[in-house]
Amino acid sequence: MNMLLNKGMFQGKRILKEETVNIMVKENQLDGKDVTDIHRDVEVYGSNPYYKGMGWNLAGWVMIDKEKAFGAEFSEVGEWGWSGIGGTWFALSEVPSKQGGNLHRVGILFMSQVGPDKGLPWQPQFRFLAMRAVRNLLDQA
């Protein structure tokens, strides 16, 4: 997670080219449609509000529409991450400072073992709370 957050660098060493990471995280699978538009017939995707406003990239999911995305009030378009089968989930984002200019790279991790996709209802709520806390910290800095 740390290597991806730092555009391919880990502990001062280049593991992946920055260009490779940029290709991995760019929305490139659904031509701007969100997951619920494409997978209406698949229960876990089509009827789940968590996937509204989300697309796929080569690394997992990516937020493509902040207005549709559940729990995204403090997140940014381009936030991306991965969900595991047991509910473990992470998100990586670049968050602008309130004054503008500086981007802060933020990673959040939600760990659970609750069975296939049972963690989904908590993930957007966790993202909302974590990103709100990050924004509050940045606003105070």
N, C-alpha and C. Protein backbone atom coordinates (compact mmCIF):
# COMPACT_ATOMS: atom_id res chain seq x y z
N MET A 1 0.83 -1.18 0.00
CA MET A 1 0.00 0.00 0.00
C MET A 1 0.88 1.25 0.00
N ASN A 2 1.92 1.22 0.80
CA ASN A 2 2.82 2.37 0.89
C ASN A 2 3.52 2.63 -0.44
N MET A 3 3.94 1.56 -1.11
CA MET A 3 4.60 1.73 -2.40
C MET A 3 3.66 2.35 -3.42
N LEU A 4 2.42 1.91 -3.46
CA LEU A 4 1.46 2.47 -4.41
C LEU A 4 1.13 3.92 -4.07
N LEU A 5 1.01 4.22 -2.79
CA LEU A 5 0.74 5.59 -2.35
C LEU A 5 1.86 6.54 -2.76
N ASN A 6 3.08 6.01 -2.80
CA ASN A 6 4.25 6.82 -3.16
C ASN A 6 4.68 6.62 -4.61
N LYS A 7 3.69 6.29 -5.46
CA LYS A 7 3.91 6.23 -6.92
C LYS A 7 5.05 5.30 -7.32
N GLY A 8 5.15 4.14 -6.64
CA GLY A 8 6.13 3.13 -7.03
C GLY A 8 7.41 3.11 -6.20
N MET A 9 7.55 4.04 -5.27
CA MET A 9 8.75 4.08 -4.40
C MET A 9 8.44 3.40 -3.08
N PHE A 10 9.40 2.63 -2.58
CA PHE A 10 9.26 2.01 -1.26
C PHE A 10 10.59 2.06 -0.55
N GLN A 11 10.61 2.71 0.59
CA GLN A 11 11.81 2.87 1.41
C GLN A 11 12.99 3.38 0.59
N GLY A 12 12.70 4.40 -0.24
CA GLY A 12 13.74 5.05 -1.02
C GLY A 12 14.16 4.32 -2.28
N LYS A 13 13.53 3.19 -2.58
CA LYS A 13 13.88 2.43 -3.78
C LYS A 13 12.70 2.40 -4.75
N ARG A 14 13.00 2.53 -6.01
CA ARG A 14 11.98 2.48 -7.05
C ARG A 14 11.64 1.02 -7.33
N ILE A 15 10.37 0.63 -7.10
CA ILE A 15 9.89 -0.72 -7.35
C ILE A 15 9.15 -0.77 -8.69
N LEU A 16 8.28 0.22 -8.90
CA LEU A 16 7.55 0.37 -10.16
C LEU A 16 7.79 1.78 -10.70
N LYS A 17 7.79 1.90 -12.01
CA LYS A 17 7.87 3.23 -12.60
C LYS A 17 6.62 4.01 -12.21
N GLU A 18 6.76 5.32 -12.00
CA GLU A 18 5.61 6.16 -11.70
C GLU A 18 4.58 6.06 -12.83
N GLU A 19 5.04 5.99 -14.06
CA GLU A 19 4.17 5.85 -15.22
C GLU A 19 3.32 4.57 -15.12
N THR A 20 3.91 3.48 -14.63
CA THR A 20 3.19 2.21 -14.47
C THR A 20 2.08 2.35 -13.44
N VAL A 21 2.38 2.98 -12.31
CA VAL A 21 1.37 3.18 -11.27
C VAL A 21 0.24 4.06 -11.80
N ASN A 22 0.58 5.12 -12.54
CA ASN A 22 -0.45 5.99 -13.11
C ASN A 22 -1.38 5.23 -14.05
N ILE A 23 -0.83 4.32 -14.85
CA ILE A 23 -1.66 3.50 -15.74
C ILE A 23 -2.55 2.57 -14.92
N MET A 24 -2.00 1.99 -13.85
CA MET A 24 -2.76 1.05 -13.02
C MET A 24 -3.98 1.70 -12.38
N VAL A 25 -3.86 2.94 -11.93
CA VAL A 25 -4.91 3.55 -11.12
C VAL A 25 -5.91 4.39 -11.91
N LYS A 26 -5.65 4.61 -13.19
CA LYS A 26 -6.55 5.38 -14.04
C LYS A 26 -7.79 4.55 -14.36
N GLU A 27 -8.97 5.17 -14.30
CA GLU A 27 -10.21 4.47 -14.67
C GLU A 27 -10.12 4.14 -16.15
N ASN A 28 -10.21 2.85 -16.46
CA ASN A 28 -10.02 2.48 -17.86
C ASN A 28 -10.85 1.28 -18.28
N GLN A 29 -11.79 0.88 -17.48
CA GLN A 29 -12.51 -0.35 -17.79
C GLN A 29 -13.94 -0.15 -18.26
N LEU A 30 -14.59 0.94 -17.88
CA LEU A 30 -16.03 1.05 -18.11
C LEU A 30 -16.44 2.26 -18.94
N ASP A 31 -15.50 2.93 -19.56
CA ASP A 31 -15.81 4.10 -20.40
C ASP A 31 -16.68 5.12 -19.68
N GLY A 32 -16.37 5.40 -18.42
CA GLY A 32 -17.09 6.42 -17.67
C GLY A 32 -18.38 5.97 -17.01
N LYS A 33 -18.84 4.74 -17.28
CA LYS A 33 -20.03 4.21 -16.60
C LYS A 33 -19.58 3.67 -15.25
N ASP A 34 -20.49 3.72 -14.26
CA ASP A 34 -20.10 3.15 -12.98
C ASP A 34 -20.44 1.67 -12.93
N VAL A 35 -19.96 1.02 -11.89
CA VAL A 35 -20.09 -0.43 -11.75
C VAL A 35 -21.55 -0.87 -11.75
N THR A 36 -22.43 -0.06 -11.15
CA THR A 36 -23.84 -0.46 -11.09
C THR A 36 -24.50 -0.40 -12.47
N ASP A 37 -24.00 0.45 -13.37
CA ASP A 37 -24.53 0.49 -14.74
C ASP A 37 -24.16 -0.77 -15.52
N ILE A 38 -22.99 -1.29 -15.27
CA ILE A 38 -22.48 -2.43 -16.03
C ILE A 38 -22.97 -3.76 -15.47
N HIS A 39 -23.04 -3.88 -14.15
CA HIS A 39 -23.31 -5.17 -13.49
C HIS A 39 -24.69 -5.20 -12.83
N ARG A 40 -25.70 -4.69 -13.48
CA ARG A 40 -27.03 -4.67 -12.88
C ARG A 40 -27.54 -6.06 -12.51
N ASP A 41 -27.11 -7.09 -13.24
CA ASP A 41 -27.61 -8.44 -13.00
C ASP A 41 -26.83 -9.18 -11.92
N VAL A 42 -25.76 -8.63 -11.43
CA VAL A 42 -24.96 -9.28 -10.40
C VAL A 42 -25.30 -8.64 -9.05
N GLU A 43 -25.90 -9.40 -8.15
CA GLU A 43 -26.44 -8.84 -6.92
C GLU A 43 -25.41 -8.03 -6.13
N VAL A 44 -24.22 -8.55 -5.96
CA VAL A 44 -23.24 -7.86 -5.11
C VAL A 44 -22.82 -6.52 -5.70
N TYR A 45 -22.90 -6.33 -7.01
CA TYR A 45 -22.53 -5.07 -7.63
C TYR A 45 -23.75 -4.21 -7.97
N GLY A 46 -24.67 -4.76 -8.73
CA GLY A 46 -25.76 -4.00 -9.31
C GLY A 46 -26.68 -3.33 -8.32
N SER A 47 -26.94 -3.99 -7.17
CA SER A 47 -27.88 -3.42 -6.21
C SER A 47 -27.20 -2.79 -5.01
N ASN A 48 -25.89 -2.78 -4.99
CA ASN A 48 -25.17 -2.28 -3.82
C ASN A 48 -24.83 -0.81 -3.98
N PRO A 49 -25.32 0.06 -3.09
CA PRO A 49 -25.05 1.49 -3.23
C PRO A 49 -23.57 1.83 -3.13
N TYR A 50 -22.78 0.93 -2.55
CA TYR A 50 -21.34 1.19 -2.42
C TYR A 50 -20.69 1.38 -3.79
N TYR A 51 -21.20 0.71 -4.81
CA TYR A 51 -20.57 0.76 -6.13
C TYR A 51 -21.06 1.90 -7.01
N LYS A 52 -22.04 2.66 -6.57
CA LYS A 52 -22.47 3.82 -7.35
C LYS A 52 -21.32 4.83 -7.38
N GLY A 53 -21.06 5.38 -8.53
CA GLY A 53 -19.99 6.36 -8.67
C GLY A 53 -18.60 5.76 -8.74
N MET A 54 -18.51 4.43 -8.77
CA MET A 54 -17.22 3.75 -8.81
C MET A 54 -17.02 3.07 -10.16
N GLY A 55 -15.80 3.08 -10.63
CA GLY A 55 -15.40 2.36 -11.83
C GLY A 55 -14.30 1.38 -11.48
N TRP A 56 -13.80 0.71 -12.48
CA TRP A 56 -12.69 -0.23 -12.29
C TRP A 56 -11.43 0.34 -12.89
N ASN A 57 -10.30 0.00 -12.29
CA ASN A 57 -9.00 0.27 -12.90
C ASN A 57 -8.19 -1.02 -12.81
N LEU A 58 -6.96 -0.98 -13.21
CA LEU A 58 -6.14 -2.20 -13.20
C LEU A 58 -5.71 -2.61 -11.80
N ALA A 59 -5.95 -1.77 -10.82
CA ALA A 59 -5.57 -2.07 -9.44
C ALA A 59 -6.78 -2.36 -8.55
N GLY A 60 -7.99 -2.19 -9.04
CA GLY A 60 -9.19 -2.40 -8.21
C GLY A 60 -10.30 -1.46 -8.64
N TRP A 61 -10.81 -0.69 -7.69
CA TRP A 61 -11.89 0.26 -7.97
C TRP A 61 -11.33 1.68 -7.96
N VAL A 62 -12.06 2.60 -8.58
CA VAL A 62 -11.69 4.00 -8.61
C VAL A 62 -12.95 4.85 -8.58
N MET A 63 -12.92 5.93 -7.80
CA MET A 63 -14.07 6.82 -7.74
C MET A 63 -14.10 7.69 -8.99
N ILE A 64 -15.21 7.61 -9.74
CA ILE A 64 -15.34 8.40 -10.97
C ILE A 64 -16.40 9.49 -10.86
N ASP A 65 -17.29 9.38 -9.86
CA ASP A 65 -18.36 10.37 -9.70
C ASP A 65 -18.61 10.55 -8.20
N LYS A 66 -18.05 11.61 -7.64
CA LYS A 66 -18.15 11.88 -6.21
C LYS A 66 -19.59 12.12 -5.76
N GLU A 67 -20.41 12.70 -6.64
CA GLU A 67 -21.80 12.98 -6.29
C GLU A 67 -22.61 11.70 -6.10
N LYS A 68 -22.31 10.66 -6.86
CA LYS A 68 -23.03 9.39 -6.75
C LYS A 68 -22.45 8.48 -5.66
N ALA A 69 -21.17 8.62 -5.39
CA ALA A 69 -20.47 7.69 -4.50
C ALA A 69 -20.95 7.83 -3.06
N PHE A 70 -21.25 6.72 -2.44
CA PHE A 70 -21.75 6.67 -1.07
C PHE A 70 -20.62 6.99 -0.09
N GLY A 71 -20.85 7.93 0.82
CA GLY A 71 -19.87 8.26 1.85
C GLY A 71 -18.67 9.03 1.34
N ALA A 72 -18.81 9.74 0.23
CA ALA A 72 -17.65 10.37 -0.41
C ALA A 72 -17.55 11.87 -0.19
N GLU A 73 -18.28 12.40 0.76
CA GLU A 73 -18.30 13.85 0.96
C GLU A 73 -16.91 14.45 1.14
N PHE A 74 -16.00 13.72 1.80
CA PHE A 74 -14.66 14.24 2.08
C PHE A 74 -13.59 13.59 1.19
N SER A 75 -14.01 12.82 0.20
CA SER A 75 -13.10 12.14 -0.71
C SER A 75 -12.93 12.93 -2.00
N GLU A 76 -12.08 12.43 -2.89
CA GLU A 76 -11.81 13.09 -4.16
C GLU A 76 -12.03 12.10 -5.31
N VAL A 77 -12.48 12.61 -6.46
CA VAL A 77 -12.52 11.79 -7.67
C VAL A 77 -11.09 11.32 -7.93
N GLY A 78 -10.95 10.08 -8.30
CA GLY A 78 -9.63 9.50 -8.50
C GLY A 78 -9.16 8.66 -7.32
N GLU A 79 -9.84 8.78 -6.17
CA GLU A 79 -9.53 7.89 -5.04
C GLU A 79 -9.70 6.46 -5.54
N TRP A 80 -8.80 5.57 -5.14
CA TRP A 80 -8.88 4.21 -5.63
C TRP A 80 -8.45 3.24 -4.54
N GLY A 81 -8.77 1.97 -4.74
CA GLY A 81 -8.39 0.98 -3.75
C GLY A 81 -8.82 -0.42 -4.15
N TRP A 82 -8.91 -1.25 -3.15
CA TRP A 82 -9.21 -2.66 -3.35
C TRP A 82 -10.05 -3.17 -2.19
N SER A 83 -10.96 -4.10 -2.49
CA SER A 83 -11.74 -4.78 -1.47
C SER A 83 -11.43 -6.26 -1.51
N GLY A 84 -11.12 -6.83 -0.36
CA GLY A 84 -10.86 -8.26 -0.29
C GLY A 84 -12.13 -9.05 0.02
N ILE A 85 -12.08 -10.35 -0.20
CA ILE A 85 -13.28 -11.18 -0.05
C ILE A 85 -13.77 -11.23 1.40
N GLY A 86 -12.90 -11.06 2.38
CA GLY A 86 -13.30 -11.10 3.78
C GLY A 86 -13.71 -9.75 4.33
N GLY A 87 -13.77 -8.72 3.48
CA GLY A 87 -14.19 -7.41 3.92
C GLY A 87 -13.05 -6.43 4.14
N THR A 88 -11.78 -6.89 4.13
CA THR A 88 -10.66 -5.97 4.26
C THR A 88 -10.63 -5.07 3.03
N TRP A 89 -10.32 -3.81 3.26
CA TRP A 89 -10.46 -2.81 2.22
C TRP A 89 -9.43 -1.71 2.44
N PHE A 90 -8.89 -1.16 1.35
CA PHE A 90 -8.05 0.03 1.48
C PHE A 90 -8.40 1.03 0.40
N ALA A 91 -8.09 2.29 0.68
CA ALA A 91 -8.29 3.37 -0.28
C ALA A 91 -7.08 4.29 -0.24
N LEU A 92 -6.69 4.77 -1.41
CA LEU A 92 -5.59 5.72 -1.54
C LEU A 92 -6.12 6.95 -2.26
N SER A 93 -5.70 8.12 -1.81
CA SER A 93 -6.22 9.35 -2.39
C SER A 93 -5.19 10.46 -2.27
N GLU A 94 -5.31 11.43 -3.14
CA GLU A 94 -4.54 12.67 -3.02
C GLU A 94 -5.52 13.76 -2.61
N VAL A 95 -5.30 14.32 -1.44
CA VAL A 95 -6.23 15.27 -0.85
C VAL A 95 -5.59 16.66 -0.89
N PRO A 96 -6.27 17.64 -1.49
CA PRO A 96 -5.71 19.00 -1.51
C PRO A 96 -5.83 19.67 -0.14
N SER A 97 -4.87 20.52 0.16
CA SER A 97 -4.97 21.30 1.39
C SER A 97 -6.04 22.37 1.20
N LYS A 98 -6.57 22.85 2.30
CA LYS A 98 -7.64 23.85 2.25
C LYS A 98 -7.17 25.12 1.55
N GLN A 99 -5.90 25.46 1.73
CA GLN A 99 -5.36 26.66 1.10
C GLN A 99 -5.05 26.44 -0.37
N GLY A 100 -5.11 25.20 -0.84
CA GLY A 100 -4.82 24.89 -2.24
C GLY A 100 -3.33 24.66 -2.44
N GLY A 101 -3.02 24.18 -3.61
CA GLY A 101 -1.61 23.98 -3.95
C GLY A 101 -1.10 22.59 -3.59
N ASN A 102 -0.92 22.34 -2.31
CA ASN A 102 -0.32 21.08 -1.88
C ASN A 102 -1.31 19.93 -1.92
N LEU A 103 -0.85 18.79 -2.43
CA LEU A 103 -1.63 17.55 -2.37
C LEU A 103 -1.00 16.65 -1.33
N HIS A 104 -1.82 16.07 -0.48
CA HIS A 104 -1.37 15.16 0.55
C HIS A 104 -1.82 13.76 0.18
N ARG A 105 -0.88 12.82 0.10
CA ARG A 105 -1.22 11.44 -0.22
C ARG A 105 -1.68 10.74 1.05
N VAL A 106 -2.87 10.15 0.97
CA VAL A 106 -3.51 9.56 2.14
C VAL A 106 -3.88 8.11 1.82
N GLY A 107 -3.58 7.22 2.75
CA GLY A 107 -4.01 5.83 2.64
C GLY A 107 -4.81 5.45 3.87
N ILE A 108 -5.94 4.79 3.66
CA ILE A 108 -6.74 4.31 4.79
C ILE A 108 -6.97 2.81 4.61
N LEU A 109 -6.98 2.11 5.72
CA LEU A 109 -7.11 0.65 5.70
C LEU A 109 -8.17 0.22 6.68
N PHE A 110 -9.10 -0.59 6.20
CA PHE A 110 -10.18 -1.15 7.01
C PHE A 110 -9.98 -2.67 7.00
N MET A 111 -9.76 -3.27 8.16
CA MET A 111 -9.50 -4.71 8.22
C MET A 111 -10.65 -5.42 8.92
N SER A 112 -11.13 -6.49 8.29
CA SER A 112 -12.18 -7.30 8.88
C SER A 112 -12.10 -8.70 8.31
N GLN A 113 -12.77 -9.62 8.95
CA GLN A 113 -12.91 -11.00 8.46
C GLN A 113 -14.35 -11.39 8.73
N VAL A 114 -15.23 -11.02 7.80
CA VAL A 114 -16.66 -11.23 8.03
C VAL A 114 -17.32 -12.06 6.94
N GLY A 115 -16.55 -12.64 6.05
CA GLY A 115 -17.14 -13.45 4.99
C GLY A 115 -17.29 -12.65 3.72
N PRO A 116 -17.57 -13.36 2.64
CA PRO A 116 -17.59 -12.70 1.33
C PRO A 116 -18.49 -11.48 1.28
N ASP A 117 -17.84 -10.34 1.04
CA ASP A 117 -18.51 -9.05 0.82
C ASP A 117 -19.43 -8.61 1.94
N LYS A 118 -19.30 -9.18 3.12
CA LYS A 118 -20.14 -8.72 4.24
C LYS A 118 -19.63 -7.41 4.82
N GLY A 119 -18.39 -7.01 4.49
CA GLY A 119 -17.85 -5.76 5.00
C GLY A 119 -18.30 -4.55 4.21
N LEU A 120 -18.95 -4.76 3.09
CA LEU A 120 -19.30 -3.64 2.22
C LEU A 120 -20.10 -2.53 2.89
N PRO A 121 -21.10 -2.81 3.71
CA PRO A 121 -21.85 -1.69 4.30
C PRO A 121 -20.99 -0.79 5.19
N TRP A 122 -19.95 -1.34 5.79
CA TRP A 122 -19.12 -0.54 6.70
C TRP A 122 -18.05 0.23 5.96
N GLN A 123 -17.64 -0.22 4.80
CA GLN A 123 -16.52 0.40 4.10
C GLN A 123 -16.77 1.86 3.74
N PRO A 124 -17.88 2.21 3.13
CA PRO A 124 -18.09 3.62 2.82
C PRO A 124 -18.24 4.49 4.07
N GLN A 125 -18.82 3.92 5.13
CA GLN A 125 -18.94 4.67 6.38
C GLN A 125 -17.55 4.92 6.99
N PHE A 126 -16.69 3.90 6.92
CA PHE A 126 -15.32 4.05 7.40
C PHE A 126 -14.58 5.10 6.57
N ARG A 127 -14.74 5.04 5.23
CA ARG A 127 -14.10 6.03 4.36
C ARG A 127 -14.55 7.43 4.75
N PHE A 128 -15.85 7.62 4.93
CA PHE A 128 -16.40 8.92 5.30
C PHE A 128 -15.73 9.43 6.59
N LEU A 129 -15.70 8.60 7.63
CA LEU A 129 -15.13 9.02 8.92
C LEU A 129 -13.63 9.27 8.83
N ALA A 130 -12.92 8.38 8.15
CA ALA A 130 -11.46 8.53 8.05
C ALA A 130 -11.09 9.77 7.23
N MET A 131 -11.75 9.97 6.10
CA MET A 131 -11.42 11.12 5.27
C MET A 131 -11.86 12.43 5.93
N ARG A 132 -12.94 12.41 6.69
CA ARG A 132 -13.34 13.60 7.46
C ARG A 132 -12.27 13.94 8.49
N ALA A 133 -11.73 12.91 9.15
CA ALA A 133 -10.66 13.14 10.14
C ALA A 133 -9.41 13.69 9.46
N VAL A 134 -9.06 13.17 8.30
CA VAL A 134 -7.90 13.66 7.55
C VAL A 134 -8.11 15.13 7.18
N ARG A 135 -9.28 15.46 6.67
CA ARG A 135 -9.57 16.85 6.28
C ARG A 135 -9.48 17.78 7.50
N ASN A 136 -10.02 17.33 8.63
CA ASN A 136 -9.95 18.15 9.84
C ASN A 136 -8.50 18.39 10.25
N LEU A 137 -7.68 17.35 10.18
CA LEU A 137 -6.24 17.51 10.52
C LEU A 137 -5.55 18.47 9.56
N LEU A 138 -5.83 18.33 8.28
CA LEU A 138 -5.20 19.22 7.30
C LEU A 138 -5.67 20.66 7.47
N ASP A 139 -6.93 20.85 7.83
CA ASP A 139 -7.45 22.20 8.03
C ASP A 139 -6.81 22.88 9.23
N GLN A 140 -6.39 22.08 10.22
CA GLN A 140 -5.76 22.63 11.42
C GLN A 140 -4.28 22.93 11.22
N ALA A 141 -3.69 22.31 10.20
CA ALA A 141 -2.23 22.46 9.99
C ALA A 141 -1.89 23.83 9.44
